[in-house]
Amino acid sequence: MTVFELPKLYTIFNACALLHIILGLIMIKKGQRTPHIASMVIALLFSTAFLGCYLYYHYHAGHVKFAGTGMTRPIYFTILFTHIPLAVLSLPLIIMTVVPALRNRFDKHKRMAKWTVPVWLYVSVTGIIVYLMCYVWYGPPIRG
């Protein structure tokens, strides 16, 4: 595998995390704590794998420019410019949600999860859309 194949891999990791976040939500809504915990741990592992691959890729590949033209550009950049700050925000939110759960402070865990889950879901979905727009539908991106 070359470094330029990593976006596909890290997007798969992101999609797997997204599926486990959704599954974890379904499990906790059904009152099934053990499957909820398992699903959320798996989501965290996939998100960690995503972040590692993403950082490695951009360290080695450098900056990539969106190759789309016309109306696709403002659409892409609107999605990207909402995705980026929320992606940065998601890491501390996730930590602030997981730590209380590890300390059996489920009241605080639940309060934080109400903020974290929508952000994490949005970042996951828009990350997949950014990949599709940049690397599949209007790609490959311009390197430089």
N, C-alpha and C. Protein backbone atom coordinates (compact mmCIF):
# COMPACT_ATOMS: atom_id res chain seq x y z
N MET A 1 0.84 -1.19 0.00
CA MET A 1 0.00 0.00 0.00
C MET A 1 0.88 1.24 0.00
N THR A 2 0.55 2.17 -0.87
CA THR A 2 1.28 3.43 -0.90
C THR A 2 0.54 4.47 -0.07
N VAL A 3 1.23 5.53 0.24
CA VAL A 3 0.65 6.60 1.04
C VAL A 3 -0.59 7.19 0.34
N PHE A 4 -0.61 7.17 -0.99
CA PHE A 4 -1.72 7.76 -1.73
C PHE A 4 -2.97 6.89 -1.73
N GLU A 5 -2.86 5.69 -1.21
CA GLU A 5 -4.03 4.82 -1.05
C GLU A 5 -4.67 4.97 0.34
N LEU A 6 -4.02 5.70 1.22
CA LEU A 6 -4.52 5.86 2.59
C LEU A 6 -5.88 6.56 2.70
N PRO A 7 -6.20 7.57 1.86
CA PRO A 7 -7.53 8.19 2.02
C PRO A 7 -8.68 7.18 1.93
N LYS A 8 -8.58 6.22 1.05
CA LYS A 8 -9.64 5.21 0.96
C LYS A 8 -9.70 4.40 2.26
N LEU A 9 -8.54 4.01 2.78
CA LEU A 9 -8.49 3.22 4.01
C LEU A 9 -9.03 4.02 5.19
N TYR A 10 -8.57 5.28 5.35
CA TYR A 10 -9.03 6.02 6.52
C TYR A 10 -10.50 6.40 6.41
N THR A 11 -11.01 6.49 5.19
CA THR A 11 -12.45 6.73 5.04
C THR A 11 -13.25 5.49 5.41
N ILE A 12 -12.73 4.32 5.11
CA ILE A 12 -13.37 3.08 5.53
C ILE A 12 -13.38 3.01 7.06
N PHE A 13 -12.26 3.37 7.69
CA PHE A 13 -12.21 3.40 9.16
C PHE A 13 -13.27 4.37 9.70
N ASN A 14 -13.38 5.53 9.07
CA ASN A 14 -14.35 6.54 9.48
C ASN A 14 -15.78 6.00 9.34
N ALA A 15 -16.07 5.33 8.23
CA ALA A 15 -17.40 4.75 8.01
C ALA A 15 -17.70 3.66 9.05
N CYS A 16 -16.71 2.85 9.38
CA CYS A 16 -16.89 1.82 10.41
C CYS A 16 -17.16 2.45 11.77
N ALA A 17 -16.45 3.53 12.08
CA ALA A 17 -16.70 4.25 13.33
C ALA A 17 -18.13 4.78 13.34
N LEU A 18 -18.56 5.38 12.24
CA LEU A 18 -19.91 5.91 12.12
C LEU A 18 -20.95 4.82 12.38
N LEU A 19 -20.78 3.67 11.78
CA LEU A 19 -21.73 2.57 11.98
C LEU A 19 -21.77 2.13 13.44
N HIS A 20 -20.62 2.10 14.09
CA HIS A 20 -20.59 1.69 15.50
C HIS A 20 -21.14 2.76 16.43
N ILE A 21 -20.98 4.02 16.08
CA ILE A 21 -21.61 5.09 16.88
C ILE A 21 -23.12 4.91 16.82
N ILE A 22 -23.64 4.72 15.62
CA ILE A 22 -25.09 4.54 15.45
C ILE A 22 -25.56 3.29 16.18
N LEU A 23 -24.82 2.19 16.03
CA LEU A 23 -25.17 0.95 16.72
C LEU A 23 -25.13 1.15 18.24
N GLY A 24 -24.12 1.86 18.72
CA GLY A 24 -24.02 2.15 20.15
C GLY A 24 -25.20 2.95 20.66
N LEU A 25 -25.64 3.92 19.86
CA LEU A 25 -26.82 4.71 20.24
C LEU A 25 -28.07 3.84 20.30
N ILE A 26 -28.23 2.98 19.33
CA ILE A 26 -29.38 2.08 19.32
C ILE A 26 -29.35 1.18 20.56
N MET A 27 -28.18 0.66 20.87
CA MET A 27 -28.06 -0.25 22.02
C MET A 27 -28.40 0.45 23.34
N ILE A 28 -27.91 1.67 23.53
CA ILE A 28 -28.17 2.35 24.80
C ILE A 28 -29.64 2.77 24.89
N LYS A 29 -30.24 3.12 23.76
CA LYS A 29 -31.68 3.46 23.75
C LYS A 29 -32.52 2.24 24.13
N LYS A 30 -32.02 1.04 23.79
CA LYS A 30 -32.72 -0.20 24.15
C LYS A 30 -32.37 -0.66 25.57
N GLY A 31 -31.47 0.09 26.23
CA GLY A 31 -31.07 -0.27 27.59
C GLY A 31 -30.03 -1.38 27.65
N GLN A 32 -29.38 -1.64 26.54
CA GLN A 32 -28.38 -2.70 26.48
C GLN A 32 -26.99 -2.09 26.64
N ARG A 33 -26.56 -1.97 27.90
CA ARG A 33 -25.31 -1.29 28.24
C ARG A 33 -24.07 -1.99 27.70
N THR A 34 -23.99 -3.30 27.87
CA THR A 34 -22.77 -4.02 27.44
C THR A 34 -22.55 -3.90 25.94
N PRO A 35 -23.58 -4.14 25.09
CA PRO A 35 -23.36 -3.93 23.65
C PRO A 35 -23.07 -2.47 23.30
N HIS A 36 -23.67 -1.54 24.07
CA HIS A 36 -23.38 -0.11 23.86
C HIS A 36 -21.90 0.16 24.09
N ILE A 37 -21.39 -0.32 25.21
CA ILE A 37 -19.98 -0.11 25.55
C ILE A 37 -19.09 -0.72 24.47
N ALA A 38 -19.39 -1.95 24.08
CA ALA A 38 -18.58 -2.63 23.05
C ALA A 38 -18.58 -1.84 21.75
N SER A 39 -19.75 -1.39 21.34
CA SER A 39 -19.84 -0.65 20.08
C SER A 39 -19.10 0.67 20.15
N MET A 40 -19.21 1.36 21.28
CA MET A 40 -18.53 2.65 21.40
C MET A 40 -17.01 2.48 21.49
N VAL A 41 -16.54 1.41 22.14
CA VAL A 41 -15.10 1.13 22.17
C VAL A 41 -14.60 0.86 20.75
N ILE A 42 -15.37 0.09 19.99
CA ILE A 42 -14.99 -0.20 18.60
C ILE A 42 -14.98 1.10 17.79
N ALA A 43 -15.98 1.97 18.00
CA ALA A 43 -16.02 3.26 17.31
C ALA A 43 -14.78 4.09 17.65
N LEU A 44 -14.40 4.08 18.91
CA LEU A 44 -13.18 4.81 19.33
C LEU A 44 -11.93 4.24 18.67
N LEU A 45 -11.85 2.91 18.58
CA LEU A 45 -10.69 2.29 17.94
C LEU A 45 -10.62 2.63 16.45
N PHE A 46 -11.78 2.57 15.77
CA PHE A 46 -11.79 2.95 14.35
C PHE A 46 -11.47 4.43 14.18
N SER A 47 -11.96 5.28 15.06
CA SER A 47 -11.67 6.71 14.98
C SER A 47 -10.19 6.99 15.23
N THR A 48 -9.60 6.24 16.13
CA THR A 48 -8.16 6.39 16.40
C THR A 48 -7.35 5.94 15.20
N ALA A 49 -7.74 4.82 14.59
CA ALA A 49 -7.06 4.34 13.38
C ALA A 49 -7.22 5.36 12.25
N PHE A 50 -8.42 5.92 12.13
CA PHE A 50 -8.65 6.97 11.14
C PHE A 50 -7.68 8.13 11.34
N LEU A 51 -7.63 8.63 12.58
CA LEU A 51 -6.81 9.81 12.85
C LEU A 51 -5.34 9.54 12.58
N GLY A 52 -4.86 8.38 12.98
CA GLY A 52 -3.46 8.02 12.71
C GLY A 52 -3.16 7.99 11.21
N CYS A 53 -4.01 7.33 10.44
CA CYS A 53 -3.82 7.26 8.98
C CYS A 53 -3.94 8.63 8.33
N TYR A 54 -4.92 9.41 8.78
CA TYR A 54 -5.14 10.74 8.23
C TYR A 54 -3.92 11.63 8.44
N LEU A 55 -3.39 11.65 9.66
CA LEU A 55 -2.22 12.48 9.96
C LEU A 55 -1.00 12.00 9.20
N TYR A 56 -0.81 10.69 9.14
CA TYR A 56 0.33 10.12 8.40
C TYR A 56 0.24 10.50 6.93
N TYR A 57 -0.96 10.36 6.36
CA TYR A 57 -1.16 10.69 4.95
C TYR A 57 -0.82 12.15 4.67
N HIS A 58 -1.40 13.06 5.46
CA HIS A 58 -1.18 14.47 5.18
C HIS A 58 0.24 14.93 5.50
N TYR A 59 0.90 14.25 6.40
CA TYR A 59 2.31 14.55 6.67
C TYR A 59 3.15 14.18 5.43
N HIS A 60 2.85 13.05 4.82
CA HIS A 60 3.64 12.57 3.69
C HIS A 60 3.16 13.09 2.34
N ALA A 61 1.86 13.27 2.16
CA ALA A 61 1.32 13.70 0.87
C ALA A 61 1.28 15.21 0.75
N GLY A 62 1.29 15.88 1.88
CA GLY A 62 1.22 17.34 1.86
C GLY A 62 -0.19 17.82 1.59
N HIS A 63 -0.28 19.05 1.14
CA HIS A 63 -1.56 19.69 0.89
C HIS A 63 -2.16 19.15 -0.41
N VAL A 64 -3.45 18.91 -0.41
CA VAL A 64 -4.14 18.51 -1.63
C VAL A 64 -5.21 19.56 -1.93
N LYS A 65 -5.41 19.85 -3.21
CA LYS A 65 -6.37 20.86 -3.63
C LYS A 65 -7.55 20.18 -4.31
N PHE A 66 -8.74 20.64 -3.98
CA PHE A 66 -9.96 20.10 -4.57
C PHE A 66 -9.97 20.39 -6.06
N ALA A 67 -10.24 19.37 -6.87
CA ALA A 67 -10.20 19.50 -8.33
C ALA A 67 -11.55 19.84 -8.95
N GLY A 68 -12.60 19.86 -8.15
CA GLY A 68 -13.92 20.16 -8.69
C GLY A 68 -14.02 21.59 -9.20
N THR A 69 -14.99 21.82 -10.08
CA THR A 69 -15.19 23.15 -10.67
C THR A 69 -16.65 23.56 -10.53
N GLY A 70 -16.92 24.82 -10.84
CA GLY A 70 -18.29 25.31 -10.85
C GLY A 70 -18.91 25.33 -9.46
N MET A 71 -20.20 24.98 -9.40
CA MET A 71 -20.95 25.01 -8.15
C MET A 71 -20.47 23.97 -7.14
N THR A 72 -19.73 22.98 -7.61
CA THR A 72 -19.24 21.98 -6.65
C THR A 72 -18.24 22.59 -5.68
N ARG A 73 -17.52 23.62 -6.11
CA ARG A 73 -16.52 24.23 -5.24
C ARG A 73 -17.13 24.87 -3.99
N PRO A 74 -18.14 25.76 -4.12
CA PRO A 74 -18.70 26.33 -2.89
C PRO A 74 -19.39 25.28 -2.02
N ILE A 75 -19.97 24.27 -2.64
CA ILE A 75 -20.60 23.20 -1.85
C ILE A 75 -19.53 22.45 -1.06
N TYR A 76 -18.47 22.06 -1.76
CA TYR A 76 -17.37 21.33 -1.11
C TYR A 76 -16.77 22.15 0.03
N PHE A 77 -16.47 23.41 -0.23
CA PHE A 77 -15.81 24.22 0.80
C PHE A 77 -16.73 24.57 1.96
N THR A 78 -18.03 24.67 1.72
CA THR A 78 -18.97 24.86 2.82
C THR A 78 -18.95 23.64 3.74
N ILE A 79 -19.00 22.46 3.13
CA ILE A 79 -18.94 21.22 3.92
C ILE A 79 -17.60 21.15 4.66
N LEU A 80 -16.51 21.39 3.94
CA LEU A 80 -15.18 21.30 4.53
C LEU A 80 -14.99 22.28 5.68
N PHE A 81 -15.46 23.52 5.49
CA PHE A 81 -15.23 24.55 6.51
C PHE A 81 -16.16 24.42 7.71
N THR A 82 -17.17 23.58 7.62
CA THR A 82 -17.93 23.23 8.83
C THR A 82 -17.33 21.97 9.45
N HIS A 83 -16.82 21.10 8.61
CA HIS A 83 -16.24 19.83 9.07
C HIS A 83 -14.97 20.05 9.90
N ILE A 84 -14.08 20.89 9.44
CA ILE A 84 -12.76 21.05 10.09
C ILE A 84 -12.86 21.51 11.55
N PRO A 85 -13.53 22.64 11.84
CA PRO A 85 -13.57 23.05 13.26
C PRO A 85 -14.30 22.05 14.15
N LEU A 86 -15.34 21.42 13.61
CA LEU A 86 -16.05 20.43 14.41
C LEU A 86 -15.21 19.17 14.61
N ALA A 87 -14.39 18.82 13.63
CA ALA A 87 -13.48 17.68 13.78
C ALA A 87 -12.47 17.96 14.89
N VAL A 88 -11.96 19.17 14.93
CA VAL A 88 -11.02 19.56 15.99
C VAL A 88 -11.73 19.54 17.35
N LEU A 89 -12.94 20.04 17.39
CA LEU A 89 -13.72 20.07 18.63
C LEU A 89 -14.10 18.66 19.10
N SER A 90 -14.27 17.74 18.18
CA SER A 90 -14.76 16.40 18.55
C SER A 90 -13.80 15.65 19.47
N LEU A 91 -12.51 15.80 19.29
CA LEU A 91 -11.57 15.06 20.14
C LEU A 91 -11.73 15.41 21.62
N PRO A 92 -11.68 16.70 22.01
CA PRO A 92 -11.90 16.97 23.44
C PRO A 92 -13.30 16.59 23.90
N LEU A 93 -14.30 16.74 23.04
CA LEU A 93 -15.65 16.33 23.42
C LEU A 93 -15.72 14.83 23.70
N ILE A 94 -15.09 14.05 22.84
CA ILE A 94 -15.09 12.59 23.02
C ILE A 94 -14.39 12.24 24.34
N ILE A 95 -13.26 12.86 24.58
CA ILE A 95 -12.53 12.61 25.83
C ILE A 95 -13.39 12.99 27.03
N MET A 96 -14.05 14.14 26.95
CA MET A 96 -14.88 14.61 28.07
C MET A 96 -16.14 13.76 28.24
N THR A 97 -16.46 12.93 27.27
CA THR A 97 -17.60 12.02 27.37
C THR A 97 -17.16 10.66 27.88
N VAL A 98 -16.01 10.20 27.42
CA VAL A 98 -15.52 8.87 27.79
C VAL A 98 -15.02 8.84 29.25
N VAL A 99 -14.29 9.85 29.67
CA VAL A 99 -13.70 9.85 31.01
C VAL A 99 -14.75 9.69 32.11
N PRO A 100 -15.86 10.45 32.08
CA PRO A 100 -16.87 10.21 33.11
C PRO A 100 -17.43 8.78 33.09
N ALA A 101 -17.59 8.20 31.90
CA ALA A 101 -18.08 6.82 31.82
C ALA A 101 -17.10 5.87 32.48
N LEU A 102 -15.81 6.10 32.26
CA LEU A 102 -14.79 5.25 32.89
C LEU A 102 -14.78 5.40 34.41
N ARG A 103 -15.23 6.56 34.89
CA ARG A 103 -15.28 6.83 36.34
C ARG A 103 -16.66 6.53 36.94
N ASN A 104 -17.49 5.87 36.13
CA ASN A 104 -18.86 5.53 36.56
C ASN A 104 -19.69 6.76 36.91
N ARG A 105 -19.41 7.87 36.26
CA ARG A 105 -20.19 9.11 36.41
C ARG A 105 -21.14 9.21 35.21
N PHE A 106 -22.12 8.33 35.19
CA PHE A 106 -22.98 8.21 34.03
C PHE A 106 -23.90 9.42 33.84
N ASP A 107 -24.18 10.16 34.92
CA ASP A 107 -24.96 11.38 34.77
C ASP A 107 -24.18 12.39 33.92
N LYS A 108 -22.90 12.57 34.22
CA LYS A 108 -22.06 13.50 33.44
C LYS A 108 -21.80 12.94 32.04
N HIS A 109 -21.59 11.64 31.94
CA HIS A 109 -21.38 10.98 30.64
C HIS A 109 -22.58 11.26 29.73
N LYS A 110 -23.77 11.09 30.25
CA LYS A 110 -24.99 11.28 29.46
C LYS A 110 -25.14 12.74 29.04
N ARG A 111 -24.86 13.68 29.96
CA ARG A 111 -24.94 15.11 29.62
C ARG A 111 -23.97 15.47 28.50
N MET A 112 -22.74 14.97 28.59
CA MET A 112 -21.73 15.27 27.56
C MET A 112 -22.07 14.58 26.24
N ALA A 113 -22.59 13.37 26.31
CA ALA A 113 -22.92 12.62 25.10
C ALA A 113 -23.97 13.35 24.26
N LYS A 114 -24.84 14.10 24.91
CA LYS A 114 -25.86 14.86 24.17
C LYS A 114 -25.23 15.90 23.25
N TRP A 115 -24.04 16.38 23.59
CA TRP A 115 -23.30 17.32 22.75
C TRP A 115 -22.35 16.59 21.81
N THR A 116 -21.70 15.57 22.33
CA THR A 116 -20.66 14.88 21.58
C THR A 116 -21.20 14.08 20.41
N VAL A 117 -22.27 13.34 20.63
CA VAL A 117 -22.79 12.45 19.59
C VAL A 117 -23.18 13.19 18.31
N PRO A 118 -23.95 14.29 18.38
CA PRO A 118 -24.27 14.97 17.12
C PRO A 118 -23.04 15.50 16.39
N VAL A 119 -22.06 16.00 17.15
CA VAL A 119 -20.83 16.51 16.53
C VAL A 119 -20.07 15.36 15.88
N TRP A 120 -19.90 14.26 16.61
CA TRP A 120 -19.16 13.10 16.11
C TRP A 120 -19.85 12.52 14.87
N LEU A 121 -21.16 12.44 14.89
CA LEU A 121 -21.90 11.95 13.72
C LEU A 121 -21.72 12.88 12.53
N TYR A 122 -21.85 14.19 12.77
CA TYR A 122 -21.70 15.16 11.68
C TYR A 122 -20.30 15.09 11.08
N VAL A 123 -19.29 15.03 11.93
CA VAL A 123 -17.91 14.97 11.46
C VAL A 123 -17.67 13.68 10.67
N SER A 124 -18.22 12.58 11.13
CA SER A 124 -18.05 11.32 10.42
C SER A 124 -18.71 11.35 9.05
N VAL A 125 -19.96 11.81 9.00
CA VAL A 125 -20.69 11.86 7.73
C VAL A 125 -20.03 12.83 6.77
N THR A 126 -19.71 14.04 7.24
CA THR A 126 -19.10 15.02 6.34
C THR A 126 -17.70 14.60 5.93
N GLY A 127 -16.99 13.87 6.78
CA GLY A 127 -15.68 13.35 6.39
C GLY A 127 -15.78 12.40 5.21
N ILE A 128 -16.79 11.56 5.22
CA ILE A 128 -17.02 10.64 4.10
C ILE A 128 -17.39 11.43 2.84
N ILE A 129 -18.23 12.44 3.00
CA ILE A 129 -18.62 13.27 1.85
C ILE A 129 -17.41 14.01 1.28
N VAL A 130 -16.57 14.56 2.15
CA VAL A 130 -15.35 15.26 1.70
C VAL A 130 -14.47 14.30 0.91
N TYR A 131 -14.29 13.09 1.42
CA TYR A 131 -13.49 12.09 0.69
C TYR A 131 -14.10 11.82 -0.69
N LEU A 132 -15.39 11.55 -0.73
CA LEU A 132 -16.04 11.22 -2.00
C LEU A 132 -15.91 12.37 -2.99
N MET A 133 -16.12 13.60 -2.51
CA MET A 133 -16.03 14.74 -3.41
C MET A 133 -14.60 14.97 -3.88
N CYS A 134 -13.65 14.84 -2.99
CA CYS A 134 -12.26 15.17 -3.31
C CYS A 134 -11.54 14.06 -4.08
N TYR A 135 -11.82 12.81 -3.73
CA TYR A 135 -11.04 11.71 -4.29
C TYR A 135 -11.80 10.82 -5.28
N VAL A 136 -13.13 10.85 -5.26
CA VAL A 136 -13.89 9.95 -6.12
C VAL A 136 -14.67 10.72 -7.18
N TRP A 137 -15.62 11.55 -6.75
CA TRP A 137 -16.51 12.22 -7.70
C TRP A 137 -15.82 13.28 -8.53
N TYR A 138 -14.92 14.07 -7.93
CA TYR A 138 -14.27 15.17 -8.64
C TYR A 138 -12.76 15.09 -8.59
N GLY A 139 -12.23 13.94 -8.23
CA GLY A 139 -10.80 13.75 -8.04
C GLY A 139 -10.17 13.10 -9.24
N PRO A 140 -8.92 12.78 -9.12
CA PRO A 140 -8.13 12.91 -7.91
C PRO A 140 -7.77 14.38 -7.63
N PRO A 141 -7.43 14.64 -6.35
CA PRO A 141 -7.09 16.03 -6.01
C PRO A 141 -5.77 16.44 -6.64
N ILE A 142 -5.58 17.73 -6.72
CA ILE A 142 -4.33 18.29 -7.24
C ILE A 142 -3.36 18.35 -6.06
N ARG A 143 -2.21 17.78 -6.23
CA ARG A 143 -1.20 17.78 -5.15
C ARG A 143 -0.30 19.00 -5.32
N GLY A 144 -0.01 19.60 -4.18
CA GLY A 144 0.89 20.74 -4.29
C GLY A 144 0.93 21.58 -3.07
